[in-house]
């Protein structure tokens, strides 16, 4: 069964992302930086500093207001780039009348190019990450990226040098049309998230995998009737698993993590895992039993890393 495969494929041994503790517009969303990938949550501004070897460190996450990411409205000639020398700042915010805005400030002595992906909020569900078009950012300048819909998170990777004297913007990449409003897609992604929770909660709680198998079999039947291919179904599951791992703070195949960093990240991750296991027990009746005992096991596990 595909659900069994999804559950058995999850390994609970990789160091999770460490998220700064800051308030959020979207519950349980935090900005973080790991393995060269920056996740910027709506309502936050993340600052990176470049090292001599070309890598970056996350040195700060600030809570911001929407005016912090908007361009000047009075045609002011004042600088809009307030990044300190040698740093990059990525600020994301949204408002109903203007949509979502990402402000990128480049305080480096060289231009910046990067790849961008967005997690959108559609029909009460997180969708993505989906590729989006972004402009290069010359040294000492700032650029603004805009999306009309609510964007919960921007994922930034592939940070590299750009020699552009002015911002250069590729052709616009819009929202994926195929699955944008398909309720089956949202359900498949949700099932991918649930399969991740079944696997991660099982070492601590009494989990009934048969409940998950019945959900998966019902979804497979209905998606087959709707003409879905195996690849499309697997893609929906994969997006859901990625979202759930990011929400809990798990990184697959992490490299270059010191024992101290791993201990700190595990300590930060356990409370989020407990909350998500409680969510599973509430959302799927019969999936989890002995919740209080499982909570105590997770608390004990977290205590070993304090």
Protein backbone atom coordinates (compact mmCIF):
# COMPACT_ATOMS: atom_id res chain seq x y z
CA UNK A 1 0.00 0.00 0.00
CA UNK A 2 1.25 3.46 -0.83
CA UNK A 3 0.36 4.78 2.62
CA UNK A 4 2.43 2.06 4.26
CA UNK A 5 5.33 2.94 1.97
CA UNK A 6 5.03 6.61 2.88
CA UNK A 7 5.07 5.80 6.57
CA UNK A 8 7.92 3.32 6.40
CA UNK A 9 10.03 5.70 4.31
CA UNK A 10 10.11 8.35 7.04
CA UNK A 11 13.31 8.22 9.15
CA UNK A 12 13.33 10.13 12.42
CA UNK A 13 17.07 10.66 12.60
CA UNK A 14 17.82 13.86 10.70
CA UNK A 15 18.60 17.12 12.46
CA UNK A 16 15.63 19.53 12.23
CA UNK A 17 15.65 23.21 11.38
CA UNK A 18 16.17 25.56 14.31
CA UNK A 19 13.60 28.34 14.11
CA UNK A 20 13.96 31.64 15.97
CA UNK A 21 11.06 32.16 18.37
CA UNK A 22 9.20 35.17 16.98
CA UNK A 23 5.47 35.89 16.61
CA UNK A 24 3.81 34.92 13.36
CA UNK A 25 1.00 35.95 11.08
CA UNK A 26 0.47 32.24 10.31
CA UNK A 27 0.48 29.87 13.27
CA UNK A 28 3.60 27.73 13.74
CA UNK A 29 5.47 29.41 10.85
CA UNK A 30 9.03 30.55 11.53
CA UNK A 31 11.84 31.89 9.42
CA UNK A 32 14.93 29.69 9.30
CA UNK A 33 18.09 28.98 7.33
CA UNK A 34 19.60 25.54 6.78
CA UNK A 35 21.74 23.88 4.12
CA UNK A 36 21.86 27.06 2.04
CA UNK A 37 18.07 27.46 1.94
CA UNK A 38 16.34 30.41 3.61
CA UNK A 39 12.67 30.21 4.62
CA UNK A 40 11.13 33.64 5.19
CA UNK A 41 7.77 33.62 6.97
CA UNK A 42 5.16 36.31 6.40
CA UNK A 43 5.53 39.11 8.93
CA UNK A 44 9.26 38.58 9.37
CA UNK A 45 12.56 39.89 8.01
CA UNK A 46 15.57 37.56 7.95
CA UNK A 47 19.15 38.88 7.78
CA UNK A 48 22.04 36.86 6.35
CA UNK A 49 25.75 37.66 6.61
CA UNK A 50 28.20 36.36 4.02
CA UNK A 51 31.27 34.47 5.23
CA UNK A 52 34.69 34.58 3.59
CA UNK A 53 34.13 31.15 2.04
CA UNK A 54 30.95 32.28 0.27
CA UNK A 55 28.51 30.65 2.69
CA UNK A 56 25.95 32.57 4.72
CA UNK A 57 24.81 32.62 8.34
CA UNK A 58 21.39 33.67 9.61
CA UNK A 59 22.21 36.45 12.09
CA UNK A 60 18.77 37.81 12.88
CA UNK A 61 15.02 37.56 12.42
CA UNK A 62 12.86 40.61 13.11
CA UNK A 63 9.12 41.03 13.36
CA UNK A 64 8.06 43.68 10.81
CA UNK A 65 5.01 45.65 9.71
CA UNK A 66 3.70 45.88 6.18
CA UNK A 67 5.13 49.38 5.71
CA UNK A 68 8.62 47.91 6.16
CA UNK A 69 8.37 46.14 2.80
CA UNK A 70 6.55 48.79 0.76
CA UNK A 71 8.42 51.14 -1.61
CA UNK A 72 8.25 54.89 -0.83
CA UNK A 73 4.90 56.36 -1.86
CA UNK A 74 6.13 59.97 -2.05
CA UNK A 75 8.79 59.40 -4.74
CA UNK A 76 11.42 60.11 -2.12
CA UNK A 77 15.05 59.88 -3.18
CA UNK A 78 16.05 58.53 0.22
CA UNK A 79 17.75 55.13 0.19
CA UNK A 80 15.43 52.16 0.55
CA UNK A 81 18.30 49.78 1.28
CA UNK A 82 19.05 49.68 4.99
CA UNK A 83 21.03 46.43 5.09
CA UNK A 84 24.32 46.65 6.96
CA UNK A 85 27.51 46.19 4.96
CA UNK A 86 28.07 42.54 4.04
CA UNK A 87 24.50 41.47 4.78
CA UNK A 88 21.30 40.63 2.92
CA UNK A 89 17.81 41.29 4.25
CA UNK A 90 14.64 39.50 3.10
CA UNK A 91 11.35 40.87 4.47
CA UNK A 92 7.91 39.40 3.67
CA UNK A 93 4.51 40.84 4.50
CA UNK A 94 0.98 41.01 3.11
CA UNK A 95 -2.15 43.12 3.22
CA UNK A 96 -5.51 42.43 1.66
CA UNK A 97 -5.51 45.51 -0.58
CA UNK A 98 -1.98 45.10 -1.92
CA UNK A 99 -1.25 41.38 -1.80
CA UNK A 100 2.11 39.99 -0.64
CA UNK A 101 5.45 41.79 -0.96
CA UNK A 102 9.02 40.53 -0.53
CA UNK A 103 11.61 43.26 -0.07
CA UNK A 104 15.22 42.20 -0.72
CA UNK A 105 18.00 44.54 0.45
CA UNK A 106 21.58 43.95 -0.66
CA UNK A 107 24.35 45.38 1.55
CA UNK A 108 27.07 43.33 -0.18
CA UNK A 109 29.75 44.74 -2.45
CA UNK A 110 28.55 42.46 -5.27
CA UNK A 111 25.21 41.81 -6.91
CA UNK A 112 22.86 39.02 -5.87
CA UNK A 113 20.97 36.42 -7.87
CA UNK A 114 18.86 33.71 -6.27
CA UNK A 115 16.04 31.25 -6.86
CA UNK A 116 12.63 31.75 -5.28
CA UNK A 117 9.69 29.54 -4.35
CA UNK A 118 6.46 30.55 -2.61
CA UNK A 119 4.04 28.79 -0.26
CA UNK A 120 0.59 30.28 -0.97
CA UNK A 121 -2.58 30.23 1.08
CA UNK A 122 -5.43 28.86 -1.05
CA UNK A 123 -8.82 27.74 0.21
CA UNK A 124 -7.62 27.47 3.78
CA UNK A 125 -4.68 25.25 2.78
CA UNK A 126 -0.96 25.84 2.27
CA UNK A 127 0.01 25.25 -1.37
CA UNK A 128 3.53 24.89 -2.70
CA UNK A 129 6.42 25.60 -2.58
CA UNK A 130 6.05 26.63 -6.25
CA UNK A 131 8.72 28.30 -8.39
CA UNK A 132 8.36 32.06 -8.82
CA UNK A 133 10.24 34.66 -10.84
CA UNK A 134 12.59 37.00 -8.93
CA UNK A 135 14.84 39.87 -9.98
CA UNK A 136 18.56 40.22 -9.41
CA UNK A 137 19.64 42.76 -6.77
CA UNK A 138 22.67 44.95 -7.60
CA UNK A 139 24.99 45.96 -4.72
CA UNK A 140 23.62 48.65 -2.45
CA UNK A 141 20.12 48.37 -3.89
CA UNK A 142 16.74 46.88 -2.94
CA UNK A 143 14.12 45.10 -5.03
CA UNK A 144 10.46 44.31 -4.43
CA UNK A 145 8.67 41.11 -5.45
CA UNK A 146 4.87 41.09 -5.47
CA UNK A 147 2.13 38.44 -5.57
CA UNK A 148 -1.60 39.24 -5.51
CA UNK A 149 -2.48 36.27 -3.29
CA UNK A 150 -1.55 35.61 0.36
CA UNK A 151 1.97 34.16 0.55
CA UNK A 152 2.75 32.39 3.81
CA UNK A 153 6.41 31.74 3.12
CA UNK A 154 9.10 32.45 0.54
CA UNK A 155 11.82 29.82 0.12
CA UNK A 156 15.10 31.27 -1.15
CA UNK A 157 18.03 29.23 -2.42
CA UNK A 158 20.88 29.24 -4.91
CA UNK A 159 22.39 32.48 -3.61
CA UNK A 160 25.02 33.54 -6.13
CA UNK A 161 26.82 36.52 -7.61
CA UNK A 162 25.24 38.75 -10.21
CA UNK A 163 27.06 41.33 -12.34
CA UNK A 164 23.89 43.21 -13.29
CA UNK A 165 24.20 46.99 -12.86
CA UNK A 166 20.40 47.25 -12.72
CA UNK A 167 17.83 44.73 -11.49
CA UNK A 168 17.17 42.14 -14.18
CA UNK A 169 13.86 40.31 -14.02
CA UNK A 170 13.08 37.07 -15.89
CA UNK A 171 9.68 36.38 -17.47
CA UNK A 172 6.90 36.18 -14.92
CA UNK A 173 6.18 32.76 -13.42
CA UNK A 174 2.55 32.56 -12.32
CA UNK A 175 0.72 30.17 -10.08
CA UNK A 176 0.47 26.61 -11.41
CA UNK A 177 -2.83 26.48 -13.32
CA UNK A 178 -3.46 22.73 -13.23
CA UNK A 179 -4.06 22.22 -9.53
CA UNK A 180 -4.78 25.76 -8.32
CA UNK A 181 -8.39 25.14 -7.28
CA UNK A 182 -8.59 21.34 -7.31
CA UNK A 183 -9.95 20.05 -3.97
CA UNK A 184 -8.48 16.59 -4.64
CA UNK A 185 -5.02 18.12 -4.80
CA UNK A 186 -5.45 19.79 -1.43
CA UNK A 187 -6.72 16.48 -0.03
CA UNK A 188 -3.72 14.59 -1.43
CA UNK A 189 -1.30 17.08 0.07
CA UNK A 190 -3.13 16.83 3.39
CA UNK A 191 -2.84 13.05 3.25
CA UNK A 192 0.90 13.42 2.65
CA UNK A 193 1.10 15.52 5.79
CA UNK A 194 -0.88 12.94 7.74
CA UNK A 195 1.34 10.08 6.57
CA UNK A 196 4.33 12.01 7.93
CA UNK A 197 2.60 12.46 11.28
CA UNK A 198 1.68 8.77 11.49
CA UNK A 199 5.37 7.90 11.07
CA UNK A 200 6.79 10.53 13.42
CA UNK A 201 4.22 10.06 16.18
CA UNK A 202 4.37 6.24 16.23
CA UNK A 203 7.53 5.95 18.42
CA UNK A 204 5.81 7.95 21.18
CA UNK A 205 2.06 7.32 20.82
CA UNK A 206 -0.17 4.32 20.14
CA UNK A 207 -0.88 4.86 16.44
CA UNK A 208 -3.34 2.82 14.37
CA UNK A 209 -1.86 2.63 10.87
CA UNK A 210 -4.97 0.84 9.58
CA UNK A 211 -6.86 4.13 9.92
CA UNK A 212 -4.32 5.80 7.66
CA UNK A 213 -4.46 2.96 5.14
CA UNK A 214 -8.23 3.32 4.84
CA UNK A 215 -7.87 7.05 4.17
CA UNK A 216 -5.22 6.39 1.53
CA UNK A 217 -7.21 3.65 -0.19
CA UNK A 218 -10.31 5.84 -0.37
CA UNK A 219 -8.30 8.73 -1.81
CA UNK A 220 -6.57 6.50 -4.36
CA UNK A 221 -9.95 5.17 -5.54
CA UNK A 222 -11.44 8.64 -5.98
CA UNK A 223 -8.35 10.11 -7.61
CA UNK A 224 -8.24 7.15 -10.04
CA UNK A 225 -11.87 7.85 -10.93
CA UNK A 226 -10.91 11.49 -11.56
CA UNK A 227 -8.23 10.38 -14.05
CA UNK A 228 -5.20 11.03 -11.89
CA UNK A 229 -1.90 9.42 -12.80
CA UNK A 230 0.27 7.69 -10.22
CA UNK A 231 2.85 10.45 -10.69
CA UNK A 232 0.34 13.21 -9.98
CA UNK A 233 -0.82 11.49 -6.82
CA UNK A 234 2.75 10.96 -5.63
CA UNK A 235 3.49 14.63 -6.32
CA UNK A 236 0.62 15.72 -4.07
CA UNK A 237 1.82 13.38 -1.32
CA UNK A 238 5.39 14.68 -1.67
CA UNK A 239 4.33 18.32 -1.36
CA UNK A 240 2.36 17.49 1.77
CA UNK A 241 5.28 15.61 3.34
CA UNK A 242 7.62 18.52 2.62
CA UNK A 243 5.21 20.98 4.24
CA UNK A 244 4.79 18.82 7.34
CA UNK A 245 8.52 18.27 7.77
CA UNK A 246 9.10 22.02 7.48
CA UNK A 247 6.34 22.75 9.99
CA UNK A 248 7.82 20.36 12.55
CA UNK A 249 11.38 21.37 11.69
CA UNK A 250 12.90 18.22 10.19
CA UNK A 251 15.64 18.36 7.58
CA UNK A 252 16.28 15.29 5.45
CA UNK A 253 19.93 14.31 4.83
CA UNK A 254 21.38 17.21 6.81
CA UNK A 255 25.15 17.68 6.47
CA UNK A 256 27.68 19.81 8.28
CA UNK A 257 25.71 19.84 11.54
CA UNK A 258 27.74 19.76 14.75
CA UNK A 259 26.56 17.64 17.71
CA UNK A 260 25.74 20.81 19.64
CA UNK A 261 23.64 22.16 16.76
CA UNK A 262 21.83 18.84 16.44
CA UNK A 263 21.03 18.78 20.15
CA UNK A 264 19.70 22.34 20.06
CA UNK A 265 17.56 21.65 17.02
CA UNK A 266 16.11 18.49 18.54
CA UNK A 267 15.29 20.42 21.70
CA UNK A 268 13.46 23.06 19.66
CA UNK A 269 11.67 20.47 17.54
CA UNK A 270 10.04 18.27 20.21
CA UNK A 271 7.36 20.77 21.34
CA UNK A 272 6.26 21.26 17.72
CA UNK A 273 6.10 17.50 17.20
CA UNK A 274 3.92 17.10 20.30
CA UNK A 275 1.51 19.75 19.05
CA UNK A 276 1.28 18.06 15.65
CA UNK A 277 0.66 14.61 17.18
CA UNK A 278 -2.14 16.13 19.21
CA UNK A 279 -3.48 17.62 15.97
CA UNK A 280 -3.45 14.15 14.37
CA UNK A 281 -5.42 12.69 17.28
CA UNK A 282 -8.02 15.46 16.95
CA UNK A 283 -8.33 15.41 13.16
CA UNK A 284 -8.49 11.64 12.62
CA UNK A 285 -10.60 9.90 15.28
CA UNK A 286 -9.04 6.59 16.30
CA UNK A 287 -5.66 7.33 14.73
CA UNK A 288 -3.95 8.01 18.06
CA UNK A 289 -4.70 6.65 21.51
CA UNK A 290 -2.95 7.19 24.83
CA UNK A 291 -2.28 10.84 24.04
CA UNK A 292 -1.28 11.78 27.58
CA UNK A 293 1.21 8.92 27.78
CA UNK A 294 2.65 9.91 24.40
CA UNK A 295 2.97 13.52 25.54
CA UNK A 296 4.95 12.37 28.58
CA UNK A 297 7.30 10.33 26.37
CA UNK A 298 7.94 13.33 24.13
CA UNK A 299 8.50 15.58 27.14
CA UNK A 300 11.02 13.06 28.48
CA UNK A 301 12.77 12.93 25.11
CA UNK A 302 12.96 16.72 24.98
CA UNK A 303 14.33 16.79 28.51
CA UNK A 304 17.40 14.84 27.44
CA UNK A 305 18.48 17.77 25.22
CA UNK A 306 18.11 20.60 27.75
